[in-house]
N, C-alpha and C. Protein backbone atom coordinates (compact mmCIF):
# COMPACT_ATOMS: atom_id res chain seq x y z
N UNK A 1 87.21 35.75 260.60
CA UNK A 1 88.35 36.26 261.36
C UNK A 1 89.59 35.42 261.07
N UNK A 2 90.71 36.11 260.80
CA UNK A 2 91.94 35.41 260.52
C UNK A 2 92.55 34.88 261.81
N UNK A 3 93.41 33.86 261.68
CA UNK A 3 94.15 33.39 262.84
C UNK A 3 95.07 34.52 263.31
N UNK A 4 95.29 34.56 264.64
CA UNK A 4 96.15 35.61 265.18
C UNK A 4 97.57 35.45 264.66
N UNK A 5 98.10 36.51 264.09
CA UNK A 5 99.44 36.47 263.52
C UNK A 5 100.18 37.75 263.87
N UNK A 6 101.50 37.70 263.73
CA UNK A 6 102.34 38.89 263.89
C UNK A 6 102.83 39.32 262.52
N UNK A 7 102.69 40.60 262.23
CA UNK A 7 103.15 41.18 260.97
C UNK A 7 104.13 42.29 261.29
N UNK A 8 105.28 42.29 260.60
CA UNK A 8 106.26 43.35 260.76
C UNK A 8 106.20 44.27 259.54
N UNK A 9 106.06 45.55 259.79
CA UNK A 9 106.10 46.56 258.73
C UNK A 9 107.47 47.21 258.76
N UNK A 10 108.27 47.02 257.71
CA UNK A 10 109.64 47.55 257.66
C UNK A 10 109.72 48.63 256.58
N UNK A 11 109.74 49.87 257.02
CA UNK A 11 109.78 51.01 256.10
C UNK A 11 110.34 52.20 256.86
N UNK A 12 111.20 53.01 256.22
CA UNK A 12 111.81 54.12 256.94
C UNK A 12 110.94 55.38 256.96
N UNK A 13 109.79 55.36 256.32
CA UNK A 13 108.88 56.51 256.34
C UNK A 13 107.78 56.27 257.37
N UNK A 14 107.79 57.02 258.48
CA UNK A 14 106.80 56.78 259.55
C UNK A 14 105.36 56.84 259.08
N UNK A 15 105.03 57.79 258.21
CA UNK A 15 103.65 57.92 257.76
C UNK A 15 103.20 56.72 256.95
N UNK A 16 104.12 56.19 256.12
CA UNK A 16 103.75 55.01 255.33
C UNK A 16 103.61 53.79 256.23
N UNK A 17 104.47 53.69 257.25
CA UNK A 17 104.33 52.59 258.20
C UNK A 17 102.96 52.63 258.87
N UNK A 18 102.56 53.84 259.28
CA UNK A 18 101.25 53.99 259.94
C UNK A 18 100.14 53.59 258.98
N UNK A 19 100.26 54.00 257.70
CA UNK A 19 99.23 53.67 256.72
C UNK A 19 99.11 52.15 256.55
N UNK A 20 100.27 51.46 256.50
CA UNK A 20 100.24 50.01 256.36
C UNK A 20 99.67 49.35 257.62
N UNK A 21 100.06 49.88 258.78
CA UNK A 21 99.53 49.34 260.04
C UNK A 21 98.00 49.45 260.06
N UNK A 22 97.49 50.62 259.72
CA UNK A 22 96.04 50.80 259.72
C UNK A 22 95.37 49.89 258.71
N UNK A 23 96.03 49.72 257.55
CA UNK A 23 95.47 48.84 256.54
C UNK A 23 95.35 47.40 257.02
N UNK A 24 96.40 46.93 257.69
CA UNK A 24 96.39 45.56 258.22
C UNK A 24 95.35 45.43 259.34
N UNK A 25 95.29 46.43 260.22
CA UNK A 25 94.36 46.35 261.36
C UNK A 25 92.91 46.44 260.91
N UNK A 26 92.65 47.11 259.78
CA UNK A 26 91.29 47.14 259.27
C UNK A 26 90.86 45.76 258.77
N UNK A 27 91.83 45.01 258.24
CA UNK A 27 91.52 43.66 257.76
C UNK A 27 91.23 42.74 258.93
N UNK A 28 92.05 42.84 259.98
CA UNK A 28 91.82 42.02 261.17
C UNK A 28 92.47 42.70 262.37
N UNK A 29 91.67 43.27 263.27
CA UNK A 29 92.22 43.96 264.45
C UNK A 29 93.04 43.05 265.36
N UNK A 30 92.90 41.73 265.22
CA UNK A 30 93.64 40.81 266.08
C UNK A 30 95.09 40.64 265.65
N UNK A 31 95.42 41.07 264.43
CA UNK A 31 96.79 40.94 263.96
C UNK A 31 97.70 41.88 264.74
N UNK A 32 98.81 41.36 265.22
CA UNK A 32 99.78 42.18 265.95
C UNK A 32 100.75 42.78 264.93
N UNK A 33 100.82 44.11 264.88
CA UNK A 33 101.67 44.80 263.92
C UNK A 33 102.84 45.45 264.64
N UNK A 34 104.06 45.15 264.15
CA UNK A 34 105.29 45.73 264.71
C UNK A 34 105.92 46.59 263.63
N UNK A 35 106.28 47.82 263.96
CA UNK A 35 106.89 48.75 263.00
C UNK A 35 108.39 48.86 263.23
N UNK A 36 109.16 48.83 262.12
CA UNK A 36 110.61 49.07 262.19
C UNK A 36 110.99 49.96 261.02
N UNK A 37 112.11 50.70 261.18
CA UNK A 37 112.51 51.65 260.15
C UNK A 37 113.87 51.40 259.55
N UNK A 38 114.48 50.24 259.85
CA UNK A 38 115.81 49.93 259.30
C UNK A 38 115.99 48.42 259.25
N UNK A 39 117.00 47.99 258.49
CA UNK A 39 117.29 46.56 258.43
C UNK A 39 117.75 46.04 259.79
N UNK A 40 118.56 46.83 260.49
CA UNK A 40 119.02 46.40 261.82
C UNK A 40 117.84 46.18 262.76
N UNK A 41 116.88 47.09 262.73
CA UNK A 41 115.69 46.95 263.58
C UNK A 41 114.84 45.78 263.14
N UNK A 42 114.80 45.53 261.83
CA UNK A 42 114.04 44.39 261.31
C UNK A 42 114.65 43.08 261.78
N UNK A 43 115.98 42.97 261.70
CA UNK A 43 116.65 41.76 262.17
C UNK A 43 116.33 41.51 263.65
N UNK A 44 116.38 42.57 264.45
CA UNK A 44 116.10 42.44 265.87
C UNK A 44 114.66 42.02 266.11
N UNK A 45 113.73 42.61 265.34
CA UNK A 45 112.31 42.30 265.52
C UNK A 45 112.00 40.85 265.18
N UNK A 46 112.60 40.33 264.12
CA UNK A 46 112.35 38.94 263.73
C UNK A 46 112.92 37.99 264.77
N UNK A 47 114.09 38.34 265.32
CA UNK A 47 114.67 37.50 266.38
C UNK A 47 113.78 37.50 267.63
N UNK A 48 113.24 38.66 267.96
CA UNK A 48 112.40 38.78 269.16
C UNK A 48 111.01 38.16 268.97
N UNK A 49 110.59 38.08 267.72
CA UNK A 49 109.24 37.58 267.43
C UNK A 49 109.31 36.47 266.37
N UNK A 50 109.81 35.30 266.75
CA UNK A 50 109.95 34.20 265.79
C UNK A 50 108.61 33.69 265.29
N UNK A 51 107.51 34.13 265.92
CA UNK A 51 106.18 33.72 265.46
C UNK A 51 105.70 34.55 264.27
N UNK A 52 106.51 35.53 263.83
CA UNK A 52 106.14 36.40 262.71
C UNK A 52 105.78 35.58 261.48
N UNK A 53 104.65 35.90 260.88
CA UNK A 53 104.18 35.19 259.69
C UNK A 53 104.43 35.96 258.40
N UNK A 54 104.49 37.31 258.52
CA UNK A 54 104.59 38.12 257.31
C UNK A 54 105.39 39.39 257.60
N UNK A 55 106.26 39.74 256.65
CA UNK A 55 106.96 41.02 256.69
C UNK A 55 106.56 41.83 255.47
N UNK A 56 106.12 43.06 255.70
CA UNK A 56 105.85 44.00 254.61
C UNK A 56 107.11 44.84 254.47
N UNK A 57 107.86 44.63 253.41
CA UNK A 57 109.25 45.09 253.32
C UNK A 57 109.46 46.16 252.27
N UNK A 58 109.96 47.32 252.72
CA UNK A 58 110.45 48.34 251.80
C UNK A 58 111.89 47.99 251.44
N UNK A 59 112.26 48.13 250.17
CA UNK A 59 113.60 47.75 249.75
C UNK A 59 114.65 48.81 250.06
N UNK A 60 114.24 50.05 250.23
CA UNK A 60 115.19 51.15 250.36
C UNK A 60 115.09 51.76 251.75
N UNK A 61 115.88 51.24 252.68
CA UNK A 61 115.95 51.78 254.02
C UNK A 61 117.37 52.31 254.27
N UNK A 62 117.59 53.11 255.30
CA UNK A 62 118.87 53.79 255.47
C UNK A 62 120.10 52.88 255.47
N UNK A 63 119.98 51.69 256.03
CA UNK A 63 121.15 50.83 256.15
C UNK A 63 121.17 49.69 255.14
N UNK A 64 120.37 49.78 254.11
CA UNK A 64 120.36 48.73 253.08
C UNK A 64 119.71 49.27 251.82
N UNK A 65 120.18 48.78 250.67
CA UNK A 65 119.57 49.15 249.40
C UNK A 65 119.35 47.90 248.57
N UNK A 66 118.36 47.97 247.72
CA UNK A 66 118.10 46.87 246.80
C UNK A 66 117.50 45.67 247.48
N UNK A 67 117.78 44.50 246.93
CA UNK A 67 117.14 43.27 247.37
C UNK A 67 117.90 42.55 248.48
N UNK A 68 118.95 43.17 249.01
CA UNK A 68 119.76 42.50 250.03
C UNK A 68 118.96 42.17 251.28
N UNK A 69 118.01 43.03 251.66
CA UNK A 69 117.21 42.76 252.85
C UNK A 69 116.30 41.55 252.63
N UNK A 70 115.76 41.45 251.44
CA UNK A 70 114.93 40.28 251.11
C UNK A 70 115.78 39.02 251.10
N UNK A 71 116.97 39.13 250.53
CA UNK A 71 117.87 37.98 250.49
C UNK A 71 118.21 37.51 251.91
N UNK A 72 118.43 38.46 252.82
CA UNK A 72 118.72 38.11 254.21
C UNK A 72 117.54 37.36 254.84
N UNK A 73 116.33 37.92 254.71
CA UNK A 73 115.16 37.29 255.32
C UNK A 73 114.93 35.89 254.79
N UNK A 74 115.04 35.72 253.49
CA UNK A 74 114.77 34.40 252.90
C UNK A 74 115.85 33.40 253.30
N UNK A 75 117.07 33.89 253.52
CA UNK A 75 118.14 32.98 253.92
C UNK A 75 118.08 32.60 255.39
N UNK A 76 117.79 33.57 256.27
CA UNK A 76 117.81 33.33 257.71
C UNK A 76 116.46 32.90 258.27
N UNK A 77 115.36 33.33 257.64
CA UNK A 77 114.01 33.05 258.16
C UNK A 77 113.12 32.56 257.01
N UNK A 78 113.41 31.40 256.45
CA UNK A 78 112.69 30.93 255.26
C UNK A 78 111.21 30.69 255.47
N UNK A 79 110.76 30.54 256.72
CA UNK A 79 109.34 30.30 256.97
C UNK A 79 108.53 31.59 257.06
N UNK A 80 109.21 32.72 257.11
CA UNK A 80 108.52 34.01 257.17
C UNK A 80 108.19 34.48 255.76
N UNK A 81 106.91 34.74 255.51
CA UNK A 81 106.50 35.22 254.20
C UNK A 81 106.85 36.71 254.09
N UNK A 82 107.33 37.12 252.90
CA UNK A 82 107.74 38.50 252.69
C UNK A 82 107.01 39.09 251.49
N UNK A 83 106.35 40.22 251.72
CA UNK A 83 105.72 40.98 250.63
C UNK A 83 106.49 42.28 250.49
N UNK A 84 107.06 42.49 249.32
CA UNK A 84 107.80 43.73 249.05
C UNK A 84 106.81 44.83 248.71
N UNK A 85 106.96 45.98 249.38
CA UNK A 85 106.15 47.16 249.06
C UNK A 85 107.13 48.29 248.78
N UNK A 86 107.21 48.70 247.50
CA UNK A 86 108.33 49.55 247.10
C UNK A 86 107.90 50.61 246.09
N UNK A 87 108.65 51.72 246.12
CA UNK A 87 108.45 52.76 245.10
C UNK A 87 109.16 52.39 243.81
N UNK A 88 110.08 51.43 243.88
CA UNK A 88 110.78 50.94 242.70
C UNK A 88 109.90 49.92 241.99
N UNK A 89 109.68 50.11 240.69
CA UNK A 89 108.79 49.22 239.96
C UNK A 89 109.48 48.61 238.74
N UNK A 90 110.77 48.41 238.85
CA UNK A 90 111.53 47.87 237.74
C UNK A 90 111.29 46.37 237.57
N UNK A 91 111.17 45.94 236.34
CA UNK A 91 110.88 44.53 236.06
C UNK A 91 111.98 43.59 236.58
N UNK A 92 113.24 44.03 236.45
CA UNK A 92 114.34 43.17 236.91
C UNK A 92 114.25 42.93 238.41
N UNK A 93 113.93 43.96 239.19
CA UNK A 93 113.80 43.79 240.63
C UNK A 93 112.62 42.90 240.98
N UNK A 94 111.52 43.07 240.28
CA UNK A 94 110.33 42.28 240.57
C UNK A 94 110.60 40.80 240.30
N UNK A 95 111.21 40.50 239.17
CA UNK A 95 111.52 39.11 238.85
C UNK A 95 112.53 38.54 239.84
N UNK A 96 113.51 39.35 240.27
CA UNK A 96 114.50 38.88 241.25
C UNK A 96 113.84 38.64 242.60
N UNK A 97 112.91 39.52 242.99
CA UNK A 97 112.20 39.33 244.26
C UNK A 97 111.41 38.03 244.25
N UNK A 98 110.77 37.74 243.13
CA UNK A 98 110.01 36.49 243.01
C UNK A 98 110.95 35.29 243.10
N UNK A 99 112.10 35.39 242.42
CA UNK A 99 113.06 34.27 242.45
C UNK A 99 113.61 34.06 243.85
N UNK A 100 113.73 35.13 244.63
CA UNK A 100 114.25 35.02 245.99
C UNK A 100 113.19 34.51 246.97
N UNK A 101 111.94 34.41 246.53
CA UNK A 101 110.92 33.80 247.38
C UNK A 101 109.91 34.75 247.98
N UNK A 102 109.88 36.01 247.55
CA UNK A 102 108.83 36.92 248.03
C UNK A 102 107.47 36.42 247.55
N UNK A 103 106.43 36.76 248.30
CA UNK A 103 105.07 36.32 247.94
C UNK A 103 104.31 37.41 247.21
N UNK A 104 104.86 38.63 247.20
CA UNK A 104 104.17 39.73 246.53
C UNK A 104 105.14 40.86 246.29
N UNK A 105 104.82 41.70 245.31
CA UNK A 105 105.57 42.92 245.04
C UNK A 105 104.53 43.99 244.76
N UNK A 106 104.34 44.89 245.73
CA UNK A 106 103.25 45.86 245.66
C UNK A 106 103.83 47.26 245.49
N UNK A 107 103.59 47.94 244.37
CA UNK A 107 104.08 49.32 244.21
C UNK A 107 103.42 50.24 245.23
N UNK A 108 104.21 51.17 245.77
CA UNK A 108 103.66 52.12 246.73
C UNK A 108 102.62 53.05 246.10
N UNK A 109 102.65 53.15 244.79
CA UNK A 109 101.69 54.00 244.09
C UNK A 109 100.32 53.35 243.94
N UNK A 110 100.17 52.12 244.42
CA UNK A 110 98.89 51.42 244.32
C UNK A 110 97.80 52.21 245.05
N UNK A 111 96.64 52.43 244.42
CA UNK A 111 95.54 53.14 245.09
C UNK A 111 95.17 52.47 246.41
N UNK A 112 94.71 53.27 247.37
CA UNK A 112 94.45 52.79 248.73
C UNK A 112 93.50 51.61 248.76
N UNK A 113 92.39 51.71 248.03
CA UNK A 113 91.41 50.63 248.05
C UNK A 113 92.01 49.34 247.49
N UNK A 114 92.76 49.47 246.40
CA UNK A 114 93.39 48.29 245.80
C UNK A 114 94.46 47.73 246.72
N UNK A 115 95.23 48.61 247.38
CA UNK A 115 96.24 48.16 248.34
C UNK A 115 95.60 47.33 249.44
N UNK A 116 94.45 47.78 249.91
CA UNK A 116 93.74 47.06 250.97
C UNK A 116 93.35 45.66 250.49
N UNK A 117 92.87 45.56 249.27
CA UNK A 117 92.48 44.26 248.72
C UNK A 117 93.69 43.32 248.61
N UNK A 118 94.80 43.87 248.17
CA UNK A 118 96.01 43.05 248.02
C UNK A 118 96.52 42.59 249.37
N UNK A 119 96.55 43.50 250.35
CA UNK A 119 97.00 43.13 251.69
C UNK A 119 96.12 42.02 252.28
N UNK A 120 94.81 42.12 252.05
CA UNK A 120 93.91 41.08 252.56
C UNK A 120 94.25 39.73 251.96
N UNK A 121 94.57 39.71 250.67
CA UNK A 121 94.94 38.47 250.00
C UNK A 121 96.25 37.92 250.53
N UNK A 122 97.24 38.81 250.69
CA UNK A 122 98.56 38.38 251.16
C UNK A 122 98.49 37.86 252.59
N UNK A 123 97.67 38.50 253.43
CA UNK A 123 97.53 38.07 254.81
C UNK A 123 96.90 36.68 254.92
N UNK A 124 96.14 36.30 253.93
CA UNK A 124 95.51 34.97 253.95
C UNK A 124 96.26 34.01 253.04
N UNK A 125 97.59 34.14 253.04
CA UNK A 125 98.53 33.26 252.32
C UNK A 125 98.43 33.39 250.81
N UNK A 126 97.88 34.49 250.31
CA UNK A 126 97.82 34.70 248.87
C UNK A 126 99.12 35.29 248.33
N UNK A 127 99.17 35.44 247.02
CA UNK A 127 100.31 36.03 246.32
C UNK A 127 99.78 37.14 245.42
N UNK A 128 100.64 38.11 245.12
CA UNK A 128 100.23 39.16 244.18
C UNK A 128 101.44 39.74 243.48
N UNK A 129 101.36 39.83 242.16
CA UNK A 129 102.44 40.38 241.35
C UNK A 129 101.86 41.30 240.28
N UNK A 130 102.50 42.46 240.05
CA UNK A 130 102.00 43.36 239.00
C UNK A 130 102.27 42.79 237.62
N UNK A 131 101.54 43.30 236.64
CA UNK A 131 101.76 42.88 235.26
C UNK A 131 103.07 43.48 234.76
N UNK A 132 104.05 42.63 234.49
CA UNK A 132 105.39 43.11 234.13
C UNK A 132 105.39 43.94 232.87
N UNK A 133 104.54 43.59 231.93
CA UNK A 133 104.54 44.29 230.64
C UNK A 133 104.18 45.76 230.79
N UNK A 134 103.50 46.10 231.88
CA UNK A 134 103.05 47.48 232.08
C UNK A 134 104.05 48.33 232.86
N UNK A 135 105.17 47.72 233.27
CA UNK A 135 106.12 48.42 234.13
C UNK A 135 107.34 48.88 233.36
N UNK A 136 108.00 49.96 233.85
CA UNK A 136 109.22 50.45 233.21
C UNK A 136 110.42 49.59 233.57
N UNK A 137 111.53 49.86 232.93
CA UNK A 137 112.79 49.20 233.27
C UNK A 137 113.81 50.27 233.62
N UNK A 138 114.79 49.90 234.46
CA UNK A 138 115.84 50.85 234.82
C UNK A 138 116.73 51.12 233.62
N UNK A 139 117.21 52.36 233.48
CA UNK A 139 118.13 52.67 232.39
C UNK A 139 119.37 51.79 232.46
N UNK A 140 119.85 51.35 231.33
CA UNK A 140 121.04 50.51 231.29
C UNK A 140 121.98 51.00 230.20
N UNK A 141 123.31 51.02 230.46
CA UNK A 141 124.24 51.42 229.42
C UNK A 141 124.12 50.54 228.19
N UNK A 142 123.72 49.31 228.38
CA UNK A 142 123.52 48.38 227.28
C UNK A 142 122.03 48.29 227.00
N UNK A 143 121.61 48.85 225.91
CA UNK A 143 120.17 48.92 225.62
C UNK A 143 119.53 47.55 225.46
N UNK A 144 120.35 46.54 225.20
CA UNK A 144 119.78 45.20 225.01
C UNK A 144 119.74 44.40 226.31
N UNK A 145 120.24 44.98 227.41
CA UNK A 145 120.33 44.22 228.66
C UNK A 145 118.96 43.75 229.14
N UNK A 146 117.98 44.65 229.13
CA UNK A 146 116.66 44.30 229.66
C UNK A 146 116.07 43.11 228.92
N UNK A 147 116.21 43.09 227.60
CA UNK A 147 115.69 41.96 226.82
C UNK A 147 116.40 40.68 227.20
N UNK A 148 117.71 40.77 227.37
CA UNK A 148 118.48 39.57 227.72
C UNK A 148 118.13 39.09 229.12
N UNK A 149 118.01 40.02 230.06
CA UNK A 149 117.66 39.64 231.43
C UNK A 149 116.26 39.02 231.47
N UNK A 150 115.32 39.60 230.77
CA UNK A 150 113.96 39.10 230.79
C UNK A 150 113.82 37.74 230.11
N UNK A 151 114.85 37.35 229.35
CA UNK A 151 114.80 36.04 228.69
C UNK A 151 115.15 34.91 229.66
N UNK A 152 115.69 35.25 230.84
CA UNK A 152 116.03 34.21 231.82
C UNK A 152 114.76 33.58 232.37
N UNK A 153 114.80 32.26 232.52
CA UNK A 153 113.70 31.57 233.20
C UNK A 153 113.81 31.85 234.69
N UNK A 154 112.75 31.54 235.42
CA UNK A 154 112.78 31.75 236.88
C UNK A 154 113.89 30.91 237.52
N UNK A 155 114.08 29.68 237.04
CA UNK A 155 115.12 28.83 237.61
C UNK A 155 116.50 29.39 237.31
N UNK A 156 116.70 29.89 236.09
CA UNK A 156 117.98 30.49 235.73
C UNK A 156 118.27 31.72 236.58
N UNK A 157 117.23 32.53 236.82
CA UNK A 157 117.41 33.72 237.65
C UNK A 157 117.75 33.34 239.08
N UNK A 158 117.08 32.30 239.60
CA UNK A 158 117.37 31.85 240.96
C UNK A 158 118.83 31.37 241.06
N UNK A 159 119.29 30.64 240.06
CA UNK A 159 120.67 30.15 240.06
C UNK A 159 121.65 31.31 239.95
N UNK A 160 121.31 32.34 239.17
CA UNK A 160 122.15 33.52 239.08
C UNK A 160 122.36 34.15 240.46
N UNK A 161 121.31 34.22 241.25
CA UNK A 161 121.41 34.80 242.58
C UNK A 161 122.22 33.90 243.52
N UNK A 162 122.14 32.59 243.34
CA UNK A 162 122.99 31.68 244.11
C UNK A 162 124.46 31.86 243.74
N UNK A 163 124.73 32.07 242.46
CA UNK A 163 126.10 32.30 242.02
C UNK A 163 126.67 33.53 242.71
N UNK A 164 125.84 34.56 242.85
CA UNK A 164 126.27 35.78 243.54
C UNK A 164 126.73 35.48 244.95
N UNK A 165 126.10 34.49 245.61
CA UNK A 165 126.46 34.12 246.97
C UNK A 165 127.72 33.27 247.03
N UNK A 166 128.26 32.89 245.86
CA UNK A 166 129.46 32.09 245.83
C UNK A 166 129.23 30.60 246.03
N UNK A 167 128.01 30.15 245.84
CA UNK A 167 127.69 28.76 246.07
C UNK A 167 128.17 27.89 244.91
N UNK A 168 128.65 26.69 245.24
CA UNK A 168 129.13 25.75 244.24
C UNK A 168 127.95 25.05 243.58
N UNK A 169 128.22 24.45 242.43
CA UNK A 169 127.14 23.78 241.69
C UNK A 169 126.44 22.72 242.54
N UNK A 170 127.22 21.95 243.30
CA UNK A 170 126.61 20.90 244.12
C UNK A 170 125.71 21.51 245.19
N UNK A 171 126.14 22.61 245.79
CA UNK A 171 125.32 23.27 246.80
C UNK A 171 124.03 23.81 246.20
N UNK A 172 124.14 24.39 245.02
CA UNK A 172 122.94 24.89 244.33
C UNK A 172 122.00 23.74 244.02
N UNK A 173 122.55 22.65 243.54
CA UNK A 173 121.73 21.48 243.22
C UNK A 173 121.00 20.96 244.45
N UNK A 174 121.70 20.92 245.58
CA UNK A 174 121.06 20.45 246.82
C UNK A 174 119.95 21.40 247.26
N UNK A 175 120.20 22.70 247.16
CA UNK A 175 119.21 23.68 247.58
C UNK A 175 117.95 23.62 246.71
N UNK A 176 118.14 23.40 245.41
CA UNK A 176 117.01 23.42 244.48
C UNK A 176 116.45 22.02 244.22
N UNK A 177 117.10 21.01 244.82
CA UNK A 177 116.66 19.62 244.66
C UNK A 177 116.64 19.21 243.19
N UNK A 178 117.74 19.52 242.50
CA UNK A 178 117.90 19.12 241.10
C UNK A 178 119.28 18.50 240.94
N UNK A 179 119.55 17.91 239.78
CA UNK A 179 120.85 17.29 239.52
C UNK A 179 121.92 18.37 239.31
N UNK A 180 123.15 18.04 239.68
CA UNK A 180 124.25 18.97 239.45
C UNK A 180 124.43 19.24 237.96
N UNK A 181 124.21 18.21 237.14
CA UNK A 181 124.33 18.40 235.70
C UNK A 181 123.28 19.38 235.18
N UNK A 182 122.11 19.39 235.83
CA UNK A 182 121.06 20.34 235.44
C UNK A 182 121.48 21.77 235.79
N UNK A 183 122.14 21.94 236.93
CA UNK A 183 122.65 23.25 237.32
C UNK A 183 123.64 23.75 236.27
N UNK A 184 124.55 22.87 235.85
CA UNK A 184 125.55 23.24 234.84
C UNK A 184 124.87 23.67 233.55
N UNK A 185 123.81 22.96 233.17
CA UNK A 185 123.08 23.30 231.95
C UNK A 185 122.44 24.68 232.08
N UNK A 186 121.84 24.97 233.24
CA UNK A 186 121.22 26.27 233.46
C UNK A 186 122.26 27.39 233.44
N UNK A 187 123.43 27.14 234.05
CA UNK A 187 124.47 28.16 234.08
C UNK A 187 124.97 28.46 232.67
N UNK A 188 125.17 27.42 231.89
CA UNK A 188 125.58 27.61 230.49
C UNK A 188 124.55 28.46 229.75
N UNK A 189 123.27 28.16 229.99
CA UNK A 189 122.20 28.89 229.30
C UNK A 189 122.15 30.35 229.75
N UNK A 190 122.25 30.61 231.04
CA UNK A 190 122.13 31.99 231.52
C UNK A 190 123.34 32.83 231.10
N UNK A 191 124.53 32.23 231.08
CA UNK A 191 125.71 32.96 230.60
C UNK A 191 125.55 33.33 229.13
N UNK A 192 125.01 32.39 228.36
CA UNK A 192 124.79 32.67 226.93
C UNK A 192 123.75 33.77 226.75
N UNK A 193 122.66 33.68 227.47
CA UNK A 193 121.59 34.68 227.33
C UNK A 193 122.04 36.08 227.74
N UNK A 194 122.91 36.15 228.76
CA UNK A 194 123.37 37.45 229.26
C UNK A 194 124.65 37.92 228.57
N UNK A 195 125.14 37.12 227.64
CA UNK A 195 126.36 37.45 226.91
C UNK A 195 127.54 37.63 227.87
N UNK A 196 127.65 36.69 228.81
CA UNK A 196 128.74 36.69 229.78
C UNK A 196 129.66 35.51 229.53
N UNK A 197 130.91 35.63 230.01
CA UNK A 197 131.89 34.58 229.76
C UNK A 197 132.17 33.72 230.99
N UNK A 198 131.83 34.21 232.18
CA UNK A 198 132.26 33.49 233.38
C UNK A 198 131.27 33.67 234.52
N UNK A 199 131.40 32.80 235.51
CA UNK A 199 130.61 32.90 236.74
C UNK A 199 130.92 34.21 237.47
N UNK A 200 132.19 34.64 237.39
CA UNK A 200 132.57 35.89 238.06
C UNK A 200 131.78 37.06 237.50
N UNK A 201 131.68 37.13 236.18
CA UNK A 201 130.88 38.18 235.57
C UNK A 201 129.42 38.08 235.99
N UNK A 202 128.92 36.85 236.09
CA UNK A 202 127.53 36.65 236.50
C UNK A 202 127.33 37.10 237.94
N UNK A 203 128.31 36.83 238.82
CA UNK A 203 128.22 37.24 240.22
C UNK A 203 128.20 38.76 240.33
N UNK A 204 129.04 39.44 239.54
CA UNK A 204 129.07 40.91 239.55
C UNK A 204 127.73 41.47 239.10
N UNK A 205 127.15 40.87 238.08
CA UNK A 205 125.86 41.33 237.58
C UNK A 205 124.78 41.14 238.64
N UNK A 206 124.77 39.99 239.30
CA UNK A 206 123.77 39.73 240.34
C UNK A 206 123.93 40.72 241.49
N UNK A 207 125.17 41.03 241.86
CA UNK A 207 125.40 42.00 242.93
C UNK A 207 124.84 43.37 242.53
N UNK A 208 125.02 43.73 241.28
CA UNK A 208 124.49 45.00 240.79
C UNK A 208 122.96 45.03 240.90
N UNK A 209 122.33 43.94 240.56
CA UNK A 209 120.86 43.86 240.64
C UNK A 209 120.40 43.97 242.09
N UNK A 210 121.07 43.27 242.99
CA UNK A 210 120.69 43.28 244.40
C UNK A 210 120.90 44.64 245.04
N UNK A 211 121.89 45.39 244.55
CA UNK A 211 122.17 46.71 245.11
C UNK A 211 121.36 47.80 244.43
N UNK A 212 120.71 47.47 243.34
CA UNK A 212 119.92 48.45 242.63
C UNK A 212 120.75 49.40 241.80
N UNK A 213 121.94 48.97 241.38
CA UNK A 213 122.83 49.82 240.59
C UNK A 213 122.72 49.52 239.10
C-alpha cells in the first residue's frame, strides 16, 4: 500500500479525467484524487491542497496552451511532481518538459494497460519518458530546425527556457548552481546551434516552444 497522497488530475475532458481518476484509484484506493479542468482551477486546487504530491497535467486546456502551465507549476510549487499526459507527442515539447522538471511525459494514445503500469511507477516516485526516436516532430518553416533543436544538451535547453523568462546570467547561474562563466559558455553554444544572433531571438524561440506555435 502506498503512503496516502493527494493527486490532482488537470484535463479539460471530463471523460479522460474520470479515466485517470479510476486508473489512480485502482493502484491505491487511499490516494485522494482531485479533478480540475482549467489552469485557473489547477492553481486554486494546489493552493487549497499544499500536500499535493503529483499533478497529472494536460498541456492544452481552455485558458492555457503549451508548456506554460508546467512552467508555472515548477516555478511556484517546485516540490510538486508533475507528469504530463498529452495528445501532443512532439520531441521538442517532450525535451522541454523534461528540462522544466516534469517527471514523465505520457501520450494519451498509450494503451490502457500500459498507462496503468506507467501511472503506478510515477505514483511511486518513478519517471517515464517515451522513446524520442519513435516520435514525430512539429512542422517547421525551417526544415533544419528540428535537427538544430535536438542538438541542444539538457542544460542548454534549460538555460534557453530561463532566457525566455528574462533572467540574467548571474540569476541563471544561481538557480542551476553553476558558474556565471559556464552559463555564458552554454548561451554561446546554444545560439550557435540554433543559428541565432542574440538572447532576444532565443527568448522569442523559447516563447514559441512554450506556446506550441
